[in-house]
Amino acid sequence: MLNRTIFLDYFLKRDRGWLLSLTAAVCLVYLPFLGNEFFFDDLSFFMNGIPGRYAEAGFHFDLRWFAYASLGWTVALFSDVVPHFFHLGNLLLHAANAILLFYLLRQLICAVFPDRRDSSMMIWGAWLGALLFALHPVAVYAVGYVVQRSILMATLFALLAQMAYLRGLLTGQGRWLALAVLCYFLAVFSKEHSVLTPLVLAALTPLLGERNIASNRALWVTWSAFLLVAVLVTLRARGIFGTPYEPMAAELFEQQGVLAGTPELHLLSMLTQTGLFFKYLLLWLLPNVSWMSVDMREPFVANWADWNAWIGLLAFTVYGAAAIRLLLRGGTKGLIGFALLYPWLQFGVELVGIRVQEPFVLYRSYLWMPGLLLLIPLLLLQFQQRRSILILGCVAILLVPLAWNRLWVFGDQFRLWNDAALLLKDERVFGADRIFFNRGQGLMEERKWEEAARDFERSAAISPKLEPVHYSLGMAYSKAGRYQEALDQFEAAISIQPKDGRAYFAEGIALKRLNRNEEAIKKLEQGCRLNNFPACLLISASQGGKK
């Protein structure tokens, strides 16, 4: 009855103010930036027609199907000419996640302390926790990035699974446990990184103690279903978990001089990630936007024999052990332990992969961190309440301009990648080539040819074997009137990718600028044979002029 009341409170007038205020807070932050352009993976995702394929094909156990199909349905309804409707969809999902978190925090505290169901401080604390999550600048990296609809939907279904499972334990009703399994299925096929959600559910059992009245049979069936879903998604993601799956992984390992087999690379990646876990925590606890960017280059542990590399793993282990010990003590300490375990348990997904190209990605932490906000209502229940509300309210207000700052950066390709470049400690660090390449593209859009060329030069110095870098550098040189240098870069691009028709076309144009018309025609003909339409058009016009 207790939990049924909490769920039904959504429909009661006394809860409407809490929910509307959370929704209004999300709208305050994100509505002014609905026009932010697509960037990075968004561009290739929509240009390659991926959303339409997901929306039209139907469900086939494809990874991220639910998230990508929702984007496909948006394209079908509104087109992908403008980004507004996609950002609006992410905004609504984020608001829903904040509301679900508000209820989950209340439900957790009421499950452990039934006498505090009507405590105003508990409700205030749950609302403030959800509000801080709604306004947090790190959350912008998931909400403002259209293609990360996947992480938003995975979080939505994971929160629903946790609420349903908790209610199933408290009521003993199998339908809630079945709903938890369904929500888990929806979560992992929105984003496979939510595969460890059942570990969070497992932590609820010692937290509830005797208040868990679910039968052993119901729990066996439920956990067998969880295991079946987990095995299914793991098999579907076998090319991601436990392998160096990233496209540029081999080149990045070579840049660092890391020459090792997969088992050793897995160990090195795990040592790297356990240390980075605490950086994720730091940025959620102390959200300094000058420490954040869309592409953060973190050192990769290159030698397992270096004792410094093991400090992160040791700290990660101690953190988890301390949180488990608190969880087992129950009561307030048990809730603190659960809050600390929430990100720790789900972070395990980062340990089973081999991450070097994108070792530190802020948007993924959106999935792990909601439970950490349980510390907010616990804080209000333990300390001077009015003062705590005032302090936390001020913190929430301060988060708004920080989130706006991140969204403003997202609104322009140059700002986005300049933000990342400013965080580089070394211009030659592995992975910096991508930052300079993308910043160069932003500078090209602003017609700053010489500055763009310098960024492409930096990128080429790090990764001389990447064809797009040489092609873009050639284009920057050509736009700046440096045609001979442009020719060298187009030749370099062609030597790497001989079937790139646009490189032949660009080289032909540069040759024309140098009045080397016969050579230009030959290059344009080669481009036309490779189905470059502008090259074919120029050849046709040239032949028509001769007649």
Protein backbone atom coordinates (compact mmCIF):
# COMPACT_ATOMS: atom_id res chain seq x y z
CA MET A 1 0.00 0.00 0.00
CA LEU A 2 2.86 2.35 0.87
CA ASN A 3 4.48 2.12 -2.55
CA ARG A 4 1.15 2.13 -4.36
CA THR A 5 0.45 5.48 -2.73
CA ILE A 6 3.80 6.86 -3.91
CA PHE A 7 3.14 5.76 -7.48
CA LEU A 8 -0.38 7.20 -7.49
CA ASP A 9 0.84 10.50 -6.05
CA TYR A 10 1.73 11.41 -9.63
CA PHE A 11 -1.96 11.88 -10.26
CA LEU A 12 -2.59 13.82 -7.05
CA LYS A 13 -2.59 17.57 -6.91
CA ARG A 14 -0.02 17.69 -4.10
CA ASP A 15 2.66 16.25 -6.40
CA ARG A 16 1.95 18.35 -9.45
CA GLY A 17 4.02 21.27 -8.24
CA TRP A 18 7.10 19.08 -7.79
CA LEU A 19 6.73 17.55 -11.24
CA LEU A 20 5.92 20.76 -13.06
CA SER A 21 8.85 22.54 -11.44
CA LEU A 22 11.26 19.80 -12.53
CA THR A 23 9.90 19.98 -16.07
CA ALA A 24 10.12 23.78 -16.02
CA ALA A 25 13.75 23.59 -14.85
CA VAL A 26 14.67 21.31 -17.76
CA CYS A 27 12.84 23.62 -20.18
CA LEU A 28 14.62 26.66 -18.72
CA VAL A 29 18.00 25.12 -19.51
CA TYR A 30 17.37 23.42 -22.85
CA LEU A 31 14.57 25.24 -24.70
CA PRO A 32 16.76 28.22 -25.73
CA PHE A 33 19.14 25.79 -27.49
CA LEU A 34 16.73 23.62 -29.49
CA GLY A 35 18.27 25.06 -32.65
CA ASN A 36 21.78 23.75 -31.91
CA GLU A 37 23.08 22.09 -35.06
CA PHE A 38 23.90 18.41 -35.37
CA PHE A 39 27.56 17.66 -34.67
CA PHE A 40 30.12 14.87 -34.78
CA ASP A 41 28.40 11.44 -34.84
CA ASP A 42 25.02 13.11 -35.36
CA LEU A 43 26.12 14.17 -38.85
CA SER A 44 27.18 10.75 -40.12
CA PHE A 45 24.19 9.14 -38.40
CA PHE A 46 21.66 11.22 -40.33
CA MET A 47 23.60 11.57 -43.60
CA ASN A 48 23.91 7.79 -43.93
CA GLY A 49 20.16 7.26 -43.49
CA ILE A 50 20.58 5.09 -40.39
CA PRO A 51 17.41 6.30 -38.57
CA GLY A 52 15.18 5.38 -41.49
CA ARG A 53 16.58 1.85 -41.66
CA TYR A 54 15.84 1.25 -37.98
CA ALA A 55 12.34 2.72 -38.19
CA GLU A 56 11.36 0.77 -41.32
CA ALA A 57 12.92 -2.62 -40.60
CA GLY A 58 11.11 -3.47 -37.37
CA PHE A 59 12.68 -4.95 -34.26
CA HIS A 60 15.39 -7.55 -34.95
CA PHE A 61 17.33 -7.49 -31.67
CA ASP A 62 19.65 -4.85 -33.10
CA LEU A 63 21.67 -2.95 -30.51
CA ARG A 64 20.13 0.45 -29.68
CA TRP A 65 17.09 -0.32 -31.81
CA PHE A 66 14.55 1.48 -29.61
CA ALA A 67 16.59 4.69 -29.45
CA TYR A 68 17.52 4.76 -33.12
CA ALA A 69 14.01 3.81 -34.23
CA SER A 70 12.62 6.72 -32.21
CA LEU A 71 14.96 9.03 -34.15
CA GLY A 72 13.79 7.40 -37.38
CA TRP A 73 10.16 8.04 -36.47
CA THR A 74 11.04 11.67 -35.79
CA VAL A 75 12.61 11.91 -39.26
CA ALA A 76 9.47 10.40 -40.78
CA LEU A 77 7.20 12.87 -38.99
CA PHE A 78 9.26 16.06 -39.15
CA SER A 79 12.28 15.38 -41.44
CA ASP A 80 15.91 15.88 -40.42
CA VAL A 81 16.34 19.27 -42.08
CA VAL A 82 16.30 21.04 -38.72
CA PRO A 83 17.44 19.67 -35.35
CA HIS A 84 14.71 21.22 -33.18
CA PHE A 85 12.41 18.19 -32.90
CA PHE A 86 15.30 15.86 -32.07
CA HIS A 87 16.52 18.14 -29.30
CA LEU A 88 12.94 18.47 -28.04
CA GLY A 89 12.67 14.68 -27.83
CA ASN A 90 15.87 14.52 -25.77
CA LEU A 91 14.59 17.34 -23.55
CA LEU A 92 11.38 15.42 -22.81
CA LEU A 93 13.31 12.24 -22.02
CA HIS A 94 15.61 14.14 -19.66
CA ALA A 95 12.60 15.69 -17.90
CA ALA A 96 11.06 12.22 -17.57
CA ASN A 97 14.30 10.87 -16.08
CA ALA A 98 14.39 13.70 -13.53
CA ILE A 99 10.77 12.95 -12.53
CA LEU A 100 11.45 9.21 -12.25
CA LEU A 101 14.52 9.94 -10.13
CA PHE A 102 12.36 12.11 -7.84
CA TYR A 103 10.04 9.14 -7.25
CA LEU A 104 12.83 6.57 -7.00
CA LEU A 105 14.63 8.56 -4.29
CA ARG A 106 11.40 8.84 -2.31
CA GLN A 107 10.62 5.18 -2.80
CA LEU A 108 14.05 4.08 -1.59
CA ILE A 109 13.90 6.13 1.60
CA CYS A 110 10.30 5.09 2.32
CA ALA A 111 11.24 1.45 1.81
CA VAL A 112 13.90 1.68 4.53
CA PHE A 113 12.08 4.20 6.76
CA PRO A 114 8.29 3.72 6.29
CA ASP A 115 7.55 6.28 9.01
CA ARG A 116 9.09 9.04 6.87
CA ARG A 117 6.70 8.71 3.95
CA ASP A 118 5.07 12.05 4.70
CA SER A 119 8.26 13.81 5.79
CA SER A 120 8.45 17.18 4.04
CA MET A 121 12.23 17.14 4.30
CA MET A 122 12.39 13.77 2.59
CA ILE A 123 10.24 15.07 -0.28
CA TRP A 124 12.25 18.28 -0.49
CA GLY A 125 15.45 16.25 -0.54
CA ALA A 126 14.22 13.95 -3.31
CA TRP A 127 13.12 16.97 -5.33
CA LEU A 128 16.44 18.76 -4.85
CA GLY A 129 18.33 15.61 -5.83
CA ALA A 130 16.27 15.29 -9.01
CA LEU A 131 16.64 19.03 -9.67
CA LEU A 132 20.44 18.89 -9.43
CA PHE A 133 20.42 15.98 -11.88
CA ALA A 134 18.11 17.90 -14.23
CA LEU A 135 20.33 21.00 -14.25
CA HIS A 136 23.75 19.36 -14.12
CA PRO A 137 26.17 20.47 -16.88
CA VAL A 138 27.56 16.94 -17.29
CA ALA A 139 24.03 15.81 -18.24
CA VAL A 140 24.24 18.22 -21.20
CA TYR A 141 26.68 15.82 -22.87
CA ALA A 142 23.87 13.26 -23.11
CA VAL A 143 20.88 15.56 -23.62
CA GLY A 144 22.49 17.98 -26.08
CA TYR A 145 23.99 15.22 -28.24
CA VAL A 146 21.13 13.97 -30.43
CA VAL A 147 22.49 10.51 -31.16
CA GLN A 148 22.86 9.91 -27.41
CA ARG A 149 19.10 9.46 -27.31
CA SER A 150 20.29 5.92 -26.60
CA ILE A 151 21.77 6.75 -23.18
CA LEU A 152 18.70 8.81 -22.24
CA MET A 153 16.32 5.97 -23.07
CA ALA A 154 18.51 3.37 -21.37
CA THR A 155 18.48 5.51 -18.22
CA LEU A 156 14.71 5.93 -18.45
CA PHE A 157 14.07 2.19 -18.62
CA ALA A 158 16.74 1.42 -16.01
CA LEU A 159 15.05 3.78 -13.53
CA LEU A 160 11.68 2.18 -14.29
CA ALA A 161 13.20 -1.27 -13.78
CA GLN A 162 14.56 -0.22 -10.39
CA MET A 163 11.21 1.21 -9.29
CA ALA A 164 9.29 -1.86 -10.47
CA TYR A 165 11.74 -4.31 -8.88
CA LEU A 166 11.70 -2.46 -5.57
CA ARG A 167 7.93 -2.53 -5.54
CA GLY A 168 7.98 -6.22 -6.40
CA LEU A 169 10.20 -6.95 -3.39
CA LEU A 170 8.01 -4.89 -1.06
CA THR A 171 4.66 -6.28 -2.25
CA GLY A 172 5.68 -9.77 -3.33
CA GLN A 173 3.65 -9.32 -6.52
CA GLY A 174 5.15 -11.07 -9.52
CA ARG A 175 3.73 -8.60 -12.02
CA TRP A 176 6.10 -5.90 -10.76
CA LEU A 177 9.07 -8.25 -11.09
CA ALA A 178 7.94 -9.10 -14.63
CA LEU A 179 7.72 -5.39 -15.40
CA ALA A 180 11.27 -4.96 -14.11
CA VAL A 181 12.48 -7.62 -16.55
CA LEU A 182 10.64 -5.96 -19.44
CA CYS A 183 12.12 -2.55 -18.58
CA TYR A 184 15.59 -4.10 -18.37
CA PHE A 185 15.10 -5.58 -21.84
CA LEU A 186 14.08 -2.16 -23.18
CA ALA A 187 17.08 -0.55 -21.45
CA VAL A 188 19.74 -2.85 -22.90
CA PHE A 189 18.27 -2.60 -26.40
CA SER A 190 18.32 1.17 -26.07
CA LYS A 191 21.99 1.14 -25.02
CA GLU A 192 23.93 -2.04 -24.29
CA HIS A 193 25.96 -0.23 -21.63
CA SER A 194 23.02 -0.66 -19.23
CA VAL A 195 23.64 -4.42 -19.11
CA LEU A 196 24.77 -4.27 -15.46
CA THR A 197 21.54 -2.71 -14.20
CA PRO A 198 20.62 -5.98 -12.39
CA LEU A 199 23.63 -5.49 -10.10
CA VAL A 200 21.91 -2.36 -8.77
CA LEU A 201 18.75 -4.40 -8.25
CA ALA A 202 20.74 -7.07 -6.41
CA ALA A 203 21.97 -4.41 -3.97
CA LEU A 204 18.34 -3.74 -2.97
CA THR A 205 17.97 -7.16 -1.30
CA PRO A 206 20.33 -6.57 1.67
CA LEU A 207 19.09 -2.98 1.87
CA LEU A 208 15.48 -4.08 2.47
CA GLY A 209 16.22 -7.01 4.77
CA GLU A 210 12.98 -8.45 6.20
CA ARG A 211 10.84 -5.99 4.24
CA ASN A 212 11.55 -8.11 1.15
CA ILE A 213 8.53 -10.43 0.97
CA ALA A 214 8.98 -11.73 -2.59
CA SER A 215 8.99 -15.52 -2.77
CA ASN A 216 12.17 -17.41 -3.62
CA ARG A 217 10.43 -18.93 -6.62
CA ALA A 218 9.47 -15.53 -8.02
CA LEU A 219 13.02 -14.27 -7.50
CA TRP A 220 14.53 -17.33 -9.20
CA VAL A 221 12.31 -16.83 -12.24
CA THR A 222 13.04 -13.10 -12.30
CA TRP A 223 16.79 -13.51 -12.06
CA SER A 224 16.80 -16.26 -14.67
CA ALA A 225 15.04 -13.82 -17.00
CA PHE A 226 17.57 -11.08 -16.17
CA LEU A 227 20.39 -13.51 -16.96
CA LEU A 228 18.80 -14.53 -20.25
CA VAL A 229 18.47 -10.90 -21.37
CA ALA A 230 22.03 -10.12 -20.24
CA VAL A 231 23.45 -13.08 -22.17
CA LEU A 232 21.44 -12.11 -25.25
CA VAL A 233 22.69 -8.52 -25.34
CA THR A 234 26.25 -9.59 -24.51
CA LEU A 235 26.26 -11.95 -27.48
CA ARG A 236 24.90 -9.18 -29.67
CA ALA A 237 27.67 -6.87 -28.41
CA ARG A 238 30.48 -9.41 -28.60
CA GLY A 239 32.42 -7.11 -30.93
CA ILE A 240 32.37 -4.35 -28.29
CA PHE A 241 32.89 -5.99 -24.92
CA GLY A 242 36.38 -7.33 -24.29
CA THR A 243 37.96 -6.24 -27.59
CA PRO A 244 39.71 -3.10 -28.95
CA TYR A 245 36.60 -2.29 -30.99
CA GLU A 246 37.22 1.41 -31.64
CA PRO A 247 38.00 2.24 -35.32
CA MET A 248 41.34 3.95 -34.63
CA ALA A 249 42.45 1.74 -31.73
CA ALA A 250 45.38 0.12 -33.55
CA GLU A 251 46.79 3.47 -34.70
CA LEU A 252 46.45 4.97 -31.23
CA PHE A 253 48.23 2.06 -29.58
CA GLU A 254 51.00 2.41 -32.17
CA GLN A 255 51.32 6.15 -31.43
CA GLN A 256 51.92 5.36 -27.75
CA GLY A 257 54.28 2.50 -28.42
CA VAL A 258 51.91 0.00 -26.80
CA LEU A 259 52.59 -3.35 -28.45
CA ALA A 260 50.67 -6.04 -26.63
CA GLY A 261 48.16 -8.81 -27.16
CA THR A 262 44.49 -8.43 -26.31
CA PRO A 263 44.68 -9.86 -22.73
CA GLU A 264 47.38 -7.38 -21.73
CA LEU A 265 45.57 -4.51 -23.47
CA HIS A 266 42.48 -5.43 -21.48
CA LEU A 267 44.46 -5.16 -18.24
CA LEU A 268 45.97 -1.81 -19.27
CA SER A 269 42.53 -0.48 -20.19
CA MET A 270 41.10 -1.64 -16.86
CA LEU A 271 43.91 0.07 -14.94
CA THR A 272 43.23 3.25 -16.91
CA GLN A 273 39.48 3.16 -16.35
CA THR A 274 39.55 2.46 -12.61
CA GLY A 275 41.56 5.63 -12.16
CA LEU A 276 39.21 7.62 -14.40
CA PHE A 277 36.19 6.50 -12.34
CA PHE A 278 37.17 9.08 -9.75
CA LYS A 279 37.39 11.82 -12.37
CA TYR A 280 33.80 11.09 -13.36
CA LEU A 281 32.81 11.36 -9.70
CA LEU A 282 34.76 14.59 -9.31
CA LEU A 283 33.04 16.25 -12.27
CA TRP A 284 29.60 15.32 -10.94
CA LEU A 285 30.46 16.58 -7.47
CA LEU A 286 32.42 19.64 -8.66
CA PRO A 287 31.12 20.53 -12.14
CA ASN A 288 33.82 22.89 -13.34
CA VAL A 289 33.01 23.36 -17.04
CA SER A 290 36.61 24.32 -17.80
CA TRP A 291 37.49 20.69 -17.03
CA MET A 292 34.95 19.29 -19.53
CA SER A 293 34.82 18.86 -23.28
CA VAL A 294 33.26 16.64 -25.91
CA ASP A 295 36.59 14.88 -26.50
CA MET A 296 38.83 14.47 -23.45
CA ARG A 297 42.30 13.02 -23.98
CA GLU A 298 43.28 11.11 -20.87
CA PRO A 299 46.58 9.22 -20.42
CA PHE A 300 46.34 5.52 -21.20
CA VAL A 301 48.36 3.26 -18.90
CA ALA A 302 51.09 1.93 -21.18
CA ASN A 303 52.92 -0.40 -18.79
CA TRP A 304 51.26 -2.63 -16.21
CA ALA A 305 54.56 -2.95 -14.34
CA ASP A 306 54.43 0.74 -13.34
CA TRP A 307 53.23 0.72 -9.71
CA ASN A 308 51.49 4.09 -10.19
CA ALA A 309 49.13 2.40 -12.62
CA TRP A 310 47.72 0.25 -9.82
CA ILE A 311 46.72 3.13 -7.53
CA GLY A 312 43.45 3.66 -9.39
CA LEU A 313 42.55 -0.04 -9.19
CA LEU A 314 43.38 -0.11 -5.47
CA ALA A 315 41.27 3.00 -4.79
CA PHE A 316 38.43 1.60 -6.91
CA THR A 317 38.49 -1.65 -4.92
CA VAL A 318 38.59 0.13 -1.55
CA TYR A 319 35.72 2.40 -2.60
CA GLY A 320 33.56 -0.58 -3.57
CA ALA A 321 34.42 -2.54 -0.42
CA ALA A 322 33.58 0.43 1.80
CA ALA A 323 30.27 0.98 -0.01
CA ILE A 324 29.32 -2.71 0.33
CA ARG A 325 30.13 -2.62 4.04
CA LEU A 326 27.86 0.40 4.50
CA LEU A 327 25.10 -1.27 2.47
CA LEU A 328 25.14 -4.35 4.71
CA ARG A 329 24.73 -2.24 7.85
CA GLY A 330 21.28 -1.15 6.75
CA GLY A 331 19.34 1.96 7.71
CA THR A 332 20.82 5.33 6.80
CA LYS A 333 24.27 3.84 6.34
CA GLY A 334 22.80 1.22 4.05
CA LEU A 335 21.23 3.92 1.88
CA ILE A 336 24.56 5.78 1.74
CA GLY A 337 26.24 2.54 0.69
CA PHE A 338 23.60 2.00 -2.00
CA ALA A 339 24.11 5.54 -3.33
CA LEU A 340 27.87 4.99 -3.54
CA LEU A 341 27.50 1.56 -5.12
CA TYR A 342 25.09 2.78 -7.80
CA PRO A 343 27.79 4.23 -10.11
CA TRP A 344 30.45 1.73 -9.00
CA LEU A 345 28.45 -1.35 -9.98
CA GLN A 346 27.41 -0.02 -13.39
CA PHE A 347 30.90 1.25 -14.16
CA GLY A 348 31.92 -2.37 -14.64
CA VAL A 349 30.92 -2.07 -18.31
CA GLU A 350 33.85 0.33 -18.78
CA LEU A 351 36.18 -2.35 -17.45
CA VAL A 352 35.20 -5.13 -19.84
CA GLY A 353 35.98 -3.14 -22.99
CA ILE A 354 39.33 -1.90 -24.29
CA ARG A 355 39.06 1.88 -24.54
CA VAL A 356 41.83 4.01 -25.99
CA GLN A 357 40.22 6.20 -28.66
CA GLU A 358 37.54 7.45 -26.26
CA PRO A 359 38.85 6.64 -22.79
CA PHE A 360 36.77 9.27 -21.00
CA VAL A 361 33.27 10.03 -22.29
CA LEU A 362 31.04 12.21 -20.14
CA TYR A 363 27.70 11.23 -21.65
CA ARG A 364 28.04 7.62 -20.49
CA SER A 365 28.16 8.75 -16.85
CA TYR A 366 24.56 9.97 -17.25
CA LEU A 367 23.49 6.33 -16.86
CA TRP A 368 25.50 5.60 -13.71
CA MET A 369 25.06 8.72 -11.61
CA PRO A 370 21.31 9.16 -10.82
CA GLY A 371 21.50 6.95 -7.74
CA LEU A 372 24.32 9.04 -6.29
CA LEU A 373 21.74 11.82 -5.83
CA LEU A 374 20.22 9.72 -3.02
CA LEU A 375 22.83 11.42 -0.84
CA ILE A 376 20.86 14.70 -1.12
CA PRO A 377 17.68 13.65 0.74
CA LEU A 378 19.83 11.75 3.24
CA LEU A 379 21.75 14.97 3.84
CA LEU A 380 18.56 16.89 4.55
CA LEU A 381 17.34 14.24 6.96
CA GLN A 382 20.56 14.43 8.99
CA PHE A 383 21.57 18.10 9.15
CA GLN A 384 20.05 21.55 9.68
CA GLN A 385 17.28 21.28 7.18
CA ARG A 386 16.35 24.83 6.25
CA ARG A 387 19.98 25.87 5.86
CA SER A 388 20.67 22.77 3.77
CA ILE A 389 17.70 23.53 1.50
CA LEU A 390 18.95 27.09 1.03
CA ILE A 391 22.49 25.95 0.21
CA LEU A 392 21.33 23.26 -2.21
CA GLY A 393 18.90 25.69 -3.82
CA CYS A 394 21.78 28.10 -4.44
CA VAL A 395 23.84 25.26 -5.91
CA ALA A 396 20.97 24.43 -8.27
CA ILE A 397 20.75 28.06 -9.40
CA LEU A 398 24.49 28.12 -10.06
CA LEU A 399 24.21 25.01 -12.25
CA VAL A 400 21.94 26.80 -14.74
CA PRO A 401 24.58 29.13 -16.27
CA LEU A 402 27.07 26.25 -16.27
CA ALA A 403 24.66 24.10 -18.28
CA TRP A 404 23.95 27.06 -20.58
CA ASN A 405 27.70 27.41 -21.12
CA ARG A 406 27.94 23.81 -22.29
CA LEU A 407 24.94 24.19 -24.59
CA TRP A 408 26.36 27.42 -26.02
CA VAL A 409 29.59 25.55 -26.81
CA PHE A 410 27.53 22.80 -28.48
CA GLY A 411 25.92 25.38 -30.77
CA ASP A 412 28.98 25.92 -32.97
CA GLN A 413 31.47 23.41 -34.39
CA PHE A 414 34.46 25.67 -33.84
CA ARG A 415 33.50 26.40 -30.20
CA LEU A 416 32.86 22.71 -29.57
CA TRP A 417 36.27 21.55 -30.73
CA ASN A 418 38.18 24.61 -29.56
CA ASP A 419 36.82 23.74 -26.11
CA ALA A 420 38.43 20.30 -26.47
CA ALA A 421 41.69 21.73 -27.83
CA LEU A 422 42.05 24.06 -24.85
CA LEU A 423 42.13 21.03 -22.53
CA LEU A 424 45.03 19.39 -24.36
CA LYS A 425 48.19 19.28 -22.28
CA ASP A 426 50.24 18.23 -25.29
CA GLU A 427 49.37 18.91 -28.95
CA ARG A 428 50.96 15.60 -29.96
CA VAL A 429 49.01 13.49 -27.47
CA PHE A 430 47.31 10.46 -29.00
CA GLY A 431 43.84 11.26 -30.28
CA ALA A 432 44.50 15.00 -30.56
CA ASP A 433 44.43 14.66 -34.35
CA ARG A 434 40.65 14.23 -34.21
CA ILE A 435 40.26 17.40 -32.17
CA PHE A 436 42.39 19.48 -34.54
CA PHE A 437 40.72 17.96 -37.59
CA ASN A 438 37.23 18.83 -36.35
CA ARG A 439 38.26 22.29 -35.18
CA GLY A 440 39.75 22.81 -38.63
CA GLN A 441 36.40 21.91 -40.17
CA GLY A 442 34.76 24.52 -37.96
CA LEU A 443 37.29 27.11 -39.09
CA MET A 444 36.60 26.18 -42.72
CA GLU A 445 32.91 26.92 -42.12
CA GLU A 446 33.98 30.36 -40.87
CA ARG A 447 36.18 30.81 -43.98
CA LYS A 448 39.33 31.12 -41.89
CA TRP A 449 41.48 29.20 -44.34
CA GLU A 450 44.95 29.79 -42.87
CA GLU A 451 43.87 28.93 -39.32
CA ALA A 452 42.10 25.84 -40.61
CA ALA A 453 45.24 24.81 -42.50
CA ARG A 454 47.30 25.05 -39.31
CA ASP A 455 44.89 22.73 -37.52
CA PHE A 456 44.92 20.23 -40.38
CA GLU A 457 48.74 20.39 -40.36
CA ARG A 458 48.70 19.50 -36.66
CA SER A 459 46.36 16.62 -37.37
CA ALA A 460 48.49 15.34 -40.27
CA ALA A 461 51.62 15.47 -38.12
CA ILE A 462 49.99 13.10 -35.62
CA SER A 463 48.20 10.82 -38.12
CA PRO A 464 49.92 11.06 -41.53
CA LYS A 465 48.08 7.99 -42.84
CA LEU A 466 44.56 9.42 -42.66
CA GLU A 467 43.22 10.35 -46.10
CA PRO A 468 40.52 12.82 -44.91
CA VAL A 469 43.18 14.87 -43.13
CA HIS A 470 45.27 15.33 -46.29
CA TYR A 471 42.20 16.07 -48.38
CA SER A 472 40.98 18.71 -45.92
CA LEU A 473 44.45 20.25 -45.66
CA GLY A 474 44.56 20.42 -49.46
CA MET A 475 41.19 22.16 -49.50
CA ALA A 476 42.35 24.70 -46.91
CA TYR A 477 45.51 25.41 -48.91
CA SER A 478 43.50 25.74 -52.09
CA LYS A 479 41.02 28.16 -50.52
CA ALA A 480 43.96 30.19 -49.20
CA GLY A 481 45.49 30.37 -52.70
CA ARG A 482 48.38 28.03 -51.86
CA TYR A 483 47.73 25.82 -54.87
CA GLN A 484 51.07 24.01 -55.16
CA GLU A 485 50.89 22.93 -51.52
CA ALA A 486 47.29 21.89 -52.11
CA LEU A 487 48.40 19.63 -54.98
CA ASP A 488 50.87 17.86 -52.71
CA GLN A 489 48.13 17.14 -50.18
CA PHE A 490 45.65 15.90 -52.77
CA GLU A 491 48.34 13.55 -54.12
CA ALA A 492 48.95 12.31 -50.58
CA ALA A 493 45.21 11.72 -50.15
CA ILE A 494 45.01 9.83 -53.45
CA SER A 495 48.00 7.66 -52.54
CA ILE A 496 46.12 6.54 -49.42
CA GLN A 497 42.68 6.26 -51.04
CA PRO A 498 43.00 5.98 -54.84
CA LYS A 499 39.23 5.74 -55.34
CA ASP A 500 38.30 9.06 -53.77
CA GLY A 501 36.79 10.95 -56.71
CA ARG A 502 36.51 14.22 -54.81
CA ALA A 503 40.32 14.36 -54.34
CA TYR A 504 40.82 14.13 -58.12
CA PHE A 505 38.20 16.84 -58.62
CA ALA A 506 39.83 19.15 -56.06
CA GLU A 507 43.25 18.53 -57.58
CA GLY A 508 41.88 19.32 -61.03
CA ILE A 509 40.49 22.64 -59.78
CA ALA A 510 43.84 23.54 -58.19
CA LEU A 511 45.63 22.73 -61.46
CA LYS A 512 43.22 24.99 -63.33
CA ARG A 513 44.06 27.81 -60.93
CA LEU A 514 47.70 27.28 -61.90
CA ASN A 515 46.73 27.34 -65.61
CA ARG A 516 47.84 23.72 -66.04
CA ASN A 517 44.70 22.92 -67.99
CA GLU A 518 45.73 19.67 -69.69
CA GLU A 519 46.73 18.12 -66.37
CA ALA A 520 43.54 19.48 -64.83
CA ILE A 521 41.37 17.79 -67.47
CA LYS A 522 43.06 14.44 -66.82
CA LYS A 523 42.41 14.71 -63.08
CA LEU A 524 38.80 15.71 -63.67
CA GLU A 525 38.33 12.76 -66.02
CA GLN A 526 39.69 10.42 -63.35
CA GLY A 527 37.31 11.98 -60.83
CA CYS A 528 34.39 11.55 -63.24
CA ARG A 529 35.26 7.87 -63.72
CA LEU A 530 34.95 7.55 -59.94
CA ASN A 531 31.42 8.99 -60.09
CA ASN A 532 32.28 12.48 -58.87
CA PHE A 533 29.37 14.46 -60.33
CA PRO A 534 31.00 17.95 -60.26
CA ALA A 535 33.99 16.55 -62.16
CA CYS A 536 31.69 15.04 -64.80
CA LEU A 537 29.84 18.35 -65.08
CA LEU A 538 33.07 20.29 -65.71
CA ILE A 539 34.28 17.74 -68.26
CA SER A 540 30.95 17.98 -70.08
CA ALA A 541 31.09 21.80 -70.05
CA SER A 542 34.68 21.73 -71.32
CA GLN A 543 33.79 19.44 -74.22
CA GLY A 544 30.75 21.56 -75.05
CA GLY A 545 32.92 24.68 -75.16
CA LYS A 546 35.28 23.06 -77.67
CA LYS A 547 32.41 22.30 -80.03
